[in-house]
């Protein structure tokens, strides 16, 4: 049987997806740890937006998790396809 090769763009996209996921997790962690400073600056500027800040932290965290989980799910299903003889 001849093996079908996937284009390199797929693997580059996968690598970029994992890197962006890790970057989003790092961003959400940094924002959560330094939240006091960011909220103080928002209050000084008259932008008392606690809800928007919390949404930004949660959105970046969950987006990072979903990107990495999507990539892991693709890898698992690909490995299952390779093991399955049917």
N, C-alpha and C. Protein backbone atom coordinates (compact mmCIF):
# COMPACT_ATOMS: atom_id res chain seq x y z
N UNK A 1 0.83 -1.18 0.00
CA UNK A 1 0.00 0.00 0.00
C UNK A 1 0.87 1.24 0.00
N UNK A 2 0.47 2.18 -0.79
CA UNK A 2 1.20 3.45 -0.84
C UNK A 2 0.68 4.36 0.25
N UNK A 3 1.60 5.03 0.91
CA UNK A 3 1.21 5.96 1.97
C UNK A 3 0.87 7.31 1.34
N UNK A 4 -0.19 7.88 1.82
CA UNK A 4 -0.59 9.20 1.35
C UNK A 4 0.05 10.22 2.28
N UNK A 5 0.78 11.13 1.69
CA UNK A 5 1.45 12.16 2.50
C UNK A 5 0.56 13.38 2.62
N UNK A 6 0.51 13.91 3.81
CA UNK A 6 -0.24 15.14 4.04
C UNK A 6 0.67 16.31 3.72
N UNK A 7 0.09 17.41 3.27
CA UNK A 7 0.94 18.57 2.97
C UNK A 7 1.58 19.14 4.23
N UNK A 8 2.71 19.80 4.02
CA UNK A 8 3.44 20.38 5.16
C UNK A 8 2.66 21.49 5.83
N UNK A 9 1.78 22.15 5.11
CA UNK A 9 1.02 23.24 5.71
C UNK A 9 0.17 22.74 6.87
N UNK A 10 -0.28 21.49 6.80
CA UNK A 10 -1.06 20.93 7.90
C UNK A 10 -0.22 20.82 9.16
N UNK A 11 1.02 20.37 9.03
CA UNK A 11 1.86 20.26 10.21
C UNK A 11 2.29 21.63 10.72
N UNK A 12 2.51 22.58 9.83
CA UNK A 12 2.84 23.94 10.26
C UNK A 12 1.66 24.58 10.98
N UNK A 13 0.45 24.32 10.47
CA UNK A 13 -0.74 24.84 11.13
C UNK A 13 -0.89 24.22 12.52
N UNK A 14 -0.60 22.95 12.64
CA UNK A 14 -0.69 22.27 13.93
C UNK A 14 0.30 22.85 14.93
N UNK A 15 1.51 23.10 14.48
CA UNK A 15 2.53 23.69 15.35
C UNK A 15 2.11 25.10 15.76
N UNK A 16 1.62 25.88 14.80
CA UNK A 16 1.17 27.24 15.11
C UNK A 16 0.00 27.22 16.08
N UNK A 17 -0.88 26.24 15.93
CA UNK A 17 -2.04 26.13 16.80
C UNK A 17 -1.60 25.86 18.25
N UNK A 18 -0.65 24.98 18.43
CA UNK A 18 -0.16 24.68 19.78
C UNK A 18 0.58 25.88 20.37
N UNK A 19 1.39 26.54 19.57
CA UNK A 19 2.13 27.72 20.05
C UNK A 19 1.16 28.83 20.46
N UNK A 20 0.13 29.07 19.65
CA UNK A 20 -0.86 30.11 20.00
C UNK A 20 -1.61 29.71 21.26
N UNK A 21 -1.93 28.42 21.40
CA UNK A 21 -2.60 27.96 22.61
C UNK A 21 -1.76 28.19 23.85
N UNK A 22 -0.48 27.88 23.76
CA UNK A 22 0.43 28.11 24.90
C UNK A 22 0.57 29.60 25.18
N UNK A 23 0.64 30.41 24.13
CA UNK A 23 0.75 31.87 24.31
C UNK A 23 -0.50 32.43 24.98
N UNK A 24 -1.68 31.93 24.61
CA UNK A 24 -2.91 32.39 25.25
C UNK A 24 -2.97 31.98 26.72
N UNK A 25 -2.49 30.78 27.02
CA UNK A 25 -2.44 30.35 28.42
C UNK A 25 -1.47 31.21 29.22
N UNK A 26 -0.33 31.53 28.61
CA UNK A 26 0.65 32.39 29.29
C UNK A 26 0.08 33.79 29.50
N UNK A 27 -0.64 34.31 28.51
CA UNK A 27 -1.25 35.63 28.63
C UNK A 27 -2.28 35.65 29.75
N UNK A 28 -3.15 34.65 29.78
CA UNK A 28 -4.18 34.63 30.83
C UNK A 28 -3.56 34.48 32.21
N UNK A 29 -2.50 33.70 32.31
CA UNK A 29 -1.82 33.53 33.60
C UNK A 29 -1.18 34.85 34.04
N UNK A 30 -0.52 35.52 33.11
CA UNK A 30 0.11 36.80 33.43
C UNK A 30 -0.94 37.84 33.85
N UNK A 31 -2.03 37.91 33.11
CA UNK A 31 -3.08 38.87 33.45
C UNK A 31 -3.70 38.56 34.81
N UNK A 32 -3.90 37.29 35.09
CA UNK A 32 -4.49 36.92 36.38
C UNK A 32 -3.55 37.24 37.54
N UNK A 33 -2.26 36.98 37.35
CA UNK A 33 -1.29 37.25 38.43
C UNK A 33 -1.06 38.74 38.65
N UNK A 34 -1.11 39.53 37.59
CA UNK A 34 -0.87 40.96 37.68
C UNK A 34 -2.17 41.75 37.61
N UNK A 35 -3.27 41.13 37.96
CA UNK A 35 -4.58 41.78 37.82
C UNK A 35 -4.70 43.04 38.67
N UNK A 36 -4.07 43.04 39.84
CA UNK A 36 -4.15 44.22 40.70
C UNK A 36 -3.61 45.45 40.00
N UNK A 37 -2.48 45.30 39.33
CA UNK A 37 -1.86 46.41 38.62
C UNK A 37 -2.73 46.88 37.46
N UNK A 38 -3.23 45.94 36.67
CA UNK A 38 -4.06 46.31 35.53
C UNK A 38 -5.35 46.98 35.96
N UNK A 39 -5.99 46.45 37.02
CA UNK A 39 -7.23 47.05 37.49
C UNK A 39 -6.99 48.44 38.08
N UNK A 40 -5.85 48.65 38.71
CA UNK A 40 -5.51 49.98 39.25
C UNK A 40 -5.37 50.99 38.11
N UNK A 41 -4.72 50.58 37.04
CA UNK A 41 -4.55 51.47 35.88
C UNK A 41 -5.91 51.75 35.24
N UNK A 42 -6.76 50.75 35.14
CA UNK A 42 -8.10 50.96 34.58
C UNK A 42 -8.91 51.94 35.43
N UNK A 43 -8.79 51.81 36.76
CA UNK A 43 -9.52 52.71 37.65
C UNK A 43 -9.00 54.14 37.54
N UNK A 44 -7.68 54.32 37.41
CA UNK A 44 -7.11 55.66 37.29
C UNK A 44 -7.56 56.32 36.00
N UNK A 45 -7.74 55.55 34.95
CA UNK A 45 -8.18 56.09 33.67
C UNK A 45 -9.69 56.25 33.58
N UNK A 46 -10.39 55.94 34.66
CA UNK A 46 -11.84 56.04 34.64
C UNK A 46 -12.50 54.89 33.90
N UNK A 47 -11.77 53.84 33.67
CA UNK A 47 -12.31 52.68 32.95
C UNK A 47 -12.49 51.52 33.93
N UNK A 48 -13.46 51.67 34.81
CA UNK A 48 -13.69 50.64 35.82
C UNK A 48 -14.45 49.49 35.18
N UNK A 49 -13.71 48.61 34.51
CA UNK A 49 -14.33 47.52 33.76
C UNK A 49 -13.86 46.18 34.31
N UNK A 50 -14.28 45.86 35.50
CA UNK A 50 -13.89 44.59 36.11
C UNK A 50 -14.40 43.41 35.28
N UNK A 51 -15.62 43.54 34.79
CA UNK A 51 -16.20 42.43 34.04
C UNK A 51 -15.47 42.20 32.72
N UNK A 52 -15.11 43.27 32.03
CA UNK A 52 -14.40 43.12 30.76
C UNK A 52 -13.02 42.50 30.99
N UNK A 53 -12.36 42.89 32.06
CA UNK A 53 -11.04 42.33 32.36
C UNK A 53 -11.15 40.84 32.68
N UNK A 54 -12.13 40.49 33.49
CA UNK A 54 -12.32 39.07 33.84
C UNK A 54 -12.68 38.26 32.61
N UNK A 55 -13.50 38.82 31.73
CA UNK A 55 -13.85 38.12 30.50
C UNK A 55 -12.63 37.92 29.61
N UNK A 56 -11.76 38.91 29.55
CA UNK A 56 -10.54 38.78 28.76
C UNK A 56 -9.66 37.66 29.29
N UNK A 57 -9.50 37.59 30.60
CA UNK A 57 -8.68 36.54 31.21
C UNK A 57 -9.30 35.16 30.94
N UNK A 58 -10.60 35.04 31.16
CA UNK A 58 -11.28 33.75 30.96
C UNK A 58 -11.26 33.34 29.49
N UNK A 59 -11.51 34.31 28.61
CA UNK A 59 -11.54 33.99 27.18
C UNK A 59 -10.18 33.51 26.70
N UNK A 60 -9.11 34.19 27.10
CA UNK A 60 -7.78 33.77 26.65
C UNK A 60 -7.40 32.42 27.23
N UNK A 61 -7.81 32.15 28.46
CA UNK A 61 -7.51 30.86 29.07
C UNK A 61 -8.23 29.73 28.34
N UNK A 62 -9.54 29.88 28.16
CA UNK A 62 -10.32 28.82 27.52
C UNK A 62 -9.97 28.67 26.04
N UNK A 63 -9.63 29.75 25.37
CA UNK A 63 -9.21 29.64 23.97
C UNK A 63 -7.91 28.86 23.86
N UNK A 64 -6.98 29.10 24.76
CA UNK A 64 -5.73 28.35 24.76
C UNK A 64 -5.95 26.88 25.03
N UNK A 65 -6.79 26.57 26.01
CA UNK A 65 -7.11 25.17 26.33
C UNK A 65 -7.76 24.49 25.13
N UNK A 66 -8.72 25.17 24.50
CA UNK A 66 -9.43 24.56 23.36
C UNK A 66 -8.51 24.32 22.17
N UNK A 67 -7.60 25.25 21.90
CA UNK A 67 -6.67 25.06 20.79
C UNK A 67 -5.77 23.85 21.02
N UNK A 68 -5.24 23.73 22.23
CA UNK A 68 -4.36 22.60 22.53
C UNK A 68 -5.15 21.29 22.56
N UNK A 69 -6.37 21.32 23.12
CA UNK A 69 -7.19 20.11 23.18
C UNK A 69 -7.59 19.65 21.78
N UNK A 70 -7.89 20.60 20.90
CA UNK A 70 -8.25 20.25 19.53
C UNK A 70 -7.09 19.55 18.85
N UNK A 71 -5.90 20.05 19.06
CA UNK A 71 -4.72 19.43 18.46
C UNK A 71 -4.47 18.05 19.04
N UNK A 72 -4.64 17.90 20.34
CA UNK A 72 -4.44 16.60 20.98
C UNK A 72 -5.49 15.61 20.48
N UNK A 73 -6.72 16.06 20.30
CA UNK A 73 -7.78 15.18 19.80
C UNK A 73 -7.47 14.72 18.38
N UNK A 74 -6.94 15.63 17.55
CA UNK A 74 -6.58 15.25 16.18
C UNK A 74 -5.48 14.19 16.19
N UNK A 75 -4.49 14.35 17.08
CA UNK A 75 -3.40 13.39 17.17
C UNK A 75 -3.91 12.03 17.63
N UNK A 76 -4.81 12.02 18.62
CA UNK A 76 -5.36 10.76 19.12
C UNK A 76 -6.17 10.04 18.06
N UNK A 77 -7.00 10.76 17.33
CA UNK A 77 -7.81 10.12 16.30
C UNK A 77 -6.93 9.62 15.15
N UNK A 78 -5.86 10.35 14.86
CA UNK A 78 -4.94 9.92 13.80
C UNK A 78 -4.22 8.63 14.23
N UNK A 79 -3.79 8.56 15.47
CA UNK A 79 -3.12 7.35 15.97
C UNK A 79 -4.09 6.18 16.00
N UNK A 80 -5.36 6.43 16.33
CA UNK A 80 -6.34 5.36 16.33
C UNK A 80 -6.56 4.84 14.91
N UNK A 81 -6.61 5.75 13.93
CA UNK A 81 -6.76 5.34 12.53
C UNK A 81 -5.60 4.47 12.07
N UNK A 82 -4.39 4.81 12.54
CA UNK A 82 -3.21 4.02 12.15
C UNK A 82 -3.25 2.63 12.76
N UNK A 83 -3.76 2.51 14.00
CA UNK A 83 -3.81 1.22 14.68
C UNK A 83 -4.94 0.34 14.17
N UNK A 84 -6.01 0.98 13.72
CA UNK A 84 -7.17 0.23 13.27
C UNK A 84 -6.90 -0.41 11.91
N UNK A 85 -7.19 -1.68 11.78
CA UNK A 85 -6.96 -2.36 10.50
C UNK A 85 -8.18 -2.30 9.59
N UNK A 86 -9.29 -1.83 10.14
CA UNK A 86 -10.53 -1.75 9.35
C UNK A 86 -10.90 -0.33 9.07
